[in-house]
Structures are given as structure tokens and as C-alpha cells.
Protein backbone atom coordinates (compact mmCIF):
# COMPACT_ATOMS: atom_id res chain seq x y z
CA MET A 1 48.03 -1.22 -25.62
CA GLU A 2 44.78 -2.65 -24.47
CA PRO A 3 44.02 -2.62 -20.69
CA PHE A 4 44.13 -5.92 -18.87
CA ARG A 5 40.60 -7.47 -18.46
CA ARG A 6 39.94 -10.32 -16.15
CA ASN A 7 37.61 -12.96 -17.43
CA ASN A 8 35.67 -13.89 -14.36
CA SER A 9 33.44 -16.80 -15.33
CA SER A 10 31.87 -17.00 -11.81
CA GLU A 11 29.75 -13.90 -12.51
CA ARG A 12 26.13 -14.50 -13.34
CA PRO A 13 24.82 -13.15 -16.61
CA GLU A 14 22.58 -10.24 -16.11
CA ASP A 15 18.98 -11.44 -15.95
CA ASN A 16 16.22 -9.19 -17.19
CA PHE A 17 14.07 -8.77 -14.03
CA ILE A 18 11.75 -5.83 -13.77
CA GLU A 19 11.96 -4.49 -10.26
CA LYS A 20 9.75 -1.63 -9.00
CA VAL A 21 9.76 -0.16 -5.59
CA ILE A 22 6.05 0.51 -4.75
CA ARG A 23 6.28 1.97 -1.33
CA ILE A 24 8.78 2.94 1.37
CA ASP A 25 7.47 3.45 4.81
CA ARG A 26 9.07 4.74 8.04
CA ILE A 27 8.20 2.40 10.87
CA THR A 28 8.92 2.70 14.60
CA LYS A 29 9.45 0.17 17.36
CA VAL A 30 8.68 1.34 20.82
CA VAL A 31 11.33 0.08 23.31
CA LYS A 32 12.16 0.80 26.87
CA GLY A 33 14.44 3.79 26.01
CA GLY A 34 12.08 5.36 23.45
CA LYS A 35 11.40 4.73 19.75
CA ARG A 36 13.63 3.01 17.25
CA MET A 37 13.05 4.14 13.70
CA ALA A 38 13.50 1.89 10.68
CA PHE A 39 12.27 1.68 7.05
CA ARG A 40 10.07 -0.88 5.18
CA ALA A 41 10.32 -1.28 1.44
CA PHE A 42 7.66 -3.02 -0.78
CA VAL A 43 8.96 -4.26 -4.16
CA ILE A 44 7.41 -6.12 -7.08
CA SER A 45 9.77 -8.10 -9.30
CA GLY A 46 8.94 -10.01 -12.50
CA ASP A 47 10.71 -11.29 -15.58
CA GLY A 48 8.07 -10.26 -18.06
CA LYS A 49 7.66 -13.93 -19.20
CA GLY A 50 5.08 -15.23 -16.80
CA SER A 51 6.93 -15.13 -13.46
CA VAL A 52 6.30 -12.54 -10.71
CA GLY A 53 6.90 -12.12 -6.94
CA ILE A 54 6.55 -9.53 -4.20
CA GLY A 55 8.84 -8.79 -1.26
CA LEU A 56 8.87 -6.72 1.90
CA GLY A 57 12.25 -5.73 3.39
CA LYS A 58 12.96 -3.91 6.70
CA SER A 59 16.17 -2.21 7.75
CA LYS A 60 17.59 0.87 9.50
CA GLU A 61 18.55 2.32 6.10
CA VAL A 62 16.44 2.67 2.96
CA PRO A 63 18.86 1.14 0.41
CA VAL A 64 19.33 -1.98 2.59
CA ALA A 65 15.56 -2.34 3.04
CA ILE A 66 15.09 -2.12 -0.79
CA LYS A 67 17.88 -4.72 -1.35
CA LYS A 68 16.29 -7.15 1.11
CA ALA A 69 12.85 -6.63 -0.51
CA ILE A 70 14.32 -7.35 -4.06
CA GLU A 71 15.90 -10.50 -2.79
CA LYS A 72 12.62 -11.66 -1.16
CA ALA A 73 10.66 -10.82 -4.25
CA ARG A 74 12.99 -12.85 -6.52
CA LYS A 75 12.89 -15.84 -4.17
CA SER A 76 9.10 -15.75 -3.90
CA SER A 77 8.48 -15.46 -7.62
CA SER A 78 5.90 -17.94 -9.01
CA LYS A 79 4.95 -19.01 -12.53
CA VAL A 80 1.47 -17.96 -13.92
CA ASN A 81 -0.43 -19.38 -16.88
CA ILE A 82 -0.52 -16.82 -19.68
CA THR A 83 -2.24 -17.37 -23.00
CA LYS A 84 -0.91 -15.22 -25.85
CA GLY A 85 -0.40 -12.12 -23.63
CA THR A 86 -3.72 -12.33 -21.72
CA LEU A 87 -5.42 -14.56 -19.11
CA PRO A 88 -7.22 -17.76 -20.10
CA HIS A 89 -10.40 -17.00 -18.15
CA VAL A 90 -11.97 -14.62 -15.63
CA ILE A 91 -10.53 -14.92 -12.13
CA GLU A 92 -11.32 -13.34 -8.73
CA ALA A 93 -9.69 -13.56 -5.28
CA HIS A 94 -9.22 -11.62 -2.04
CA PHE A 95 -6.58 -11.14 0.55
CA GLY A 96 -7.64 -9.46 3.77
CA ALA A 97 -10.11 -6.67 2.89
CA SER A 98 -8.73 -6.32 -0.68
CA ARG A 99 -10.48 -8.03 -3.54
CA VAL A 100 -9.24 -8.20 -7.14
CA MET A 101 -11.08 -9.27 -10.29
CA MET A 102 -9.21 -9.94 -13.60
CA LYS A 103 -10.58 -10.49 -17.08
CA PRO A 104 -8.98 -11.36 -20.41
CA ALA A 105 -9.17 -8.58 -22.99
CA LYS A 106 -8.99 -8.29 -26.84
CA PRO A 107 -5.57 -7.70 -28.40
CA GLY A 108 -4.58 -4.06 -28.34
CA THR A 109 -6.52 -3.28 -25.16
CA GLY A 110 -3.42 -3.02 -22.94
CA VAL A 111 -3.28 -3.35 -19.20
CA ILE A 112 -6.26 -1.64 -17.60
CA ALA A 113 -5.66 -1.70 -13.85
CA GLY A 114 -4.63 0.69 -11.04
CA GLY A 115 -2.01 1.00 -8.37
CA ALA A 116 0.13 -2.00 -7.40
CA VAL A 117 -2.03 -4.42 -9.44
CA ARG A 118 -1.05 -2.66 -12.68
CA ILE A 119 2.67 -2.81 -11.86
CA LEU A 120 2.36 -6.51 -10.94
CA LEU A 121 0.56 -7.33 -14.22
CA GLU A 122 3.15 -5.42 -16.34
CA ALA A 123 6.02 -7.14 -14.46
CA LEU A 124 4.33 -10.44 -15.13
CA GLY A 125 4.27 -9.77 -18.82
CA LEU A 126 0.55 -9.56 -19.56
CA LYS A 127 -0.32 -7.39 -22.56
CA ASP A 128 -4.09 -7.34 -22.68
CA VAL A 129 -6.02 -7.65 -19.37
CA VAL A 130 -8.61 -5.71 -17.43
CA ALA A 131 -8.38 -5.77 -13.60
CA LYS A 132 -10.44 -4.05 -10.89
CA SER A 133 -9.45 -3.61 -7.24
CA LEU A 134 -12.31 -3.61 -4.78
CA GLY A 135 -12.44 -3.12 -1.01
CA SER A 136 -9.25 -1.90 0.66
CA ARG A 137 -6.86 0.08 -1.51
CA ASN A 138 -3.77 -0.84 0.50
CA PRO A 139 -1.09 -1.57 -2.14
CA ILE A 140 0.43 -4.52 -0.21
CA ASN A 141 -2.90 -6.32 0.27
CA SER A 142 -3.96 -5.47 -3.29
CA ALA A 143 -0.77 -6.93 -4.66
CA LYS A 144 -1.13 -10.10 -2.49
CA ALA A 145 -4.79 -10.46 -3.61
CA ALA A 146 -3.64 -10.20 -7.24
CA LEU A 147 -1.05 -12.85 -6.60
CA VAL A 148 -3.65 -15.13 -5.08
CA CYS A 149 -5.88 -14.40 -8.01
CA LEU A 150 -3.18 -15.30 -10.54
CA SER A 151 -2.14 -18.46 -8.65
CA THR A 152 -5.74 -19.79 -9.12
CA CYS A 153 -5.48 -19.22 -12.89
CA LYS A 154 -5.77 -22.51 -14.78
CA SER A 155 -4.68 -23.27 -18.37
CA LEU A 156 -7.22 -22.63 -21.14
CA SER A 157 -7.61 -26.34 -21.99
CA GLU A 158 -8.18 -27.31 -18.29
CA GLU A 159 -10.94 -24.64 -17.89
CA VAL A 160 -12.63 -25.69 -21.22
CA LEU A 161 -12.80 -29.32 -19.94
CA VAL A 162 -14.20 -28.24 -16.56
CA ARG A 163 -16.87 -26.00 -18.02
CA GLY A 164 -17.65 -28.15 -21.03
CA LYS A 165 -17.81 -25.28 -23.50
CA ALA A 166 -15.54 -22.89 -25.33
CA LEU A 167 -14.44 -19.75 -23.49
CA PRO A 168 -14.64 -16.27 -25.00
CA VAL A 169 -10.88 -15.66 -24.81
CA TYR A 170 -9.68 -13.50 -27.65
CA ILE A 171 -6.71 -15.42 -28.96
CA SER A 172 -5.73 -15.02 -32.64
CA GLU A 173 -4.88 -18.40 -34.08
CA GLU A 174 -1.84 -18.13 -36.33
């Protein structure tokens, strides 16, 4: 006899989000009676299809902080222009003292980046890109600078019209 299974249609289908915990910090708040300890989690979440977000969560326990950070990362996810697995043009941006430069790369190059920027680009779904972090190496500010950088990314046709010439983006026409 087969066990009874409830068909609950209110459940969401499992979405394929890539969620990576980048950093967990112990933070303290100084109050009248002493110090109150809590935890801060930094998470990058992406769907691998051109949407990515970051989130910070704080709580008294680590699992709750991670859960809050994942929820914030999913809510803050934004869409980015991707052209055949790479960027349409060279982009650069900064956040605080962190500066990030990103360039499109030839097919087969892979993701060449470091730290939180690499995880962000992989969660975004980019296959061939070269990125360089300059200035502060703080992972939170580097990731935010990378998000600012990606938000300024235009489509390939827009950038060709603005510049008035073809861009050296390595896209195989099929």
C-alpha cells in the first residue's frame, strides 16, 4: 500500500537561485549594562541568468542572520545586460574606497576575478569576463562597487549607437 501524500498546490516550485555566504562577522553593541553580541551575515544571491543581488542580515544567532541576508539579497536582485555570456563593453565604477573594472573576454576565458566580485559574477551567470578590484579590498564594498558597475552596463546596440563604431566584443554569430 502506498503512503498517503498530500498534494499541496500552495507550495512554490523550487527556484534555482545560487546563494553564497561570503562573510559572517561578530558585532557588538555597547549598552549601559555592557556589550551585546550579535552576528552579521553577507550573502550574494543570483539566478545564473542575468539577475543578482546582495544582502546583509543581522541577528543574535548565525542561522537567522543568514536567512535574513538571503531574503534581502533576493529582494534586491536586479537584472543586468549580458551578451552571449559576457559583457557588451568595458565598465568601471566605485563604491566608497573600492573600485572595480570589468572587461568582456573571448569565449573560453572564464571568469577572471577575485574575492566577492568573482562570486557575484558567477552568480550572475557570466561565463567570460575579466574583472579587477582596486582600492579597498573590503568584500562588502567590492561587491557593491561591482553591482554599481553592472547597473551602468548598457546593451551592445545602445553602446554602438553612442560611440558610432563597432565594439571589440567577442561574440560568435551563429
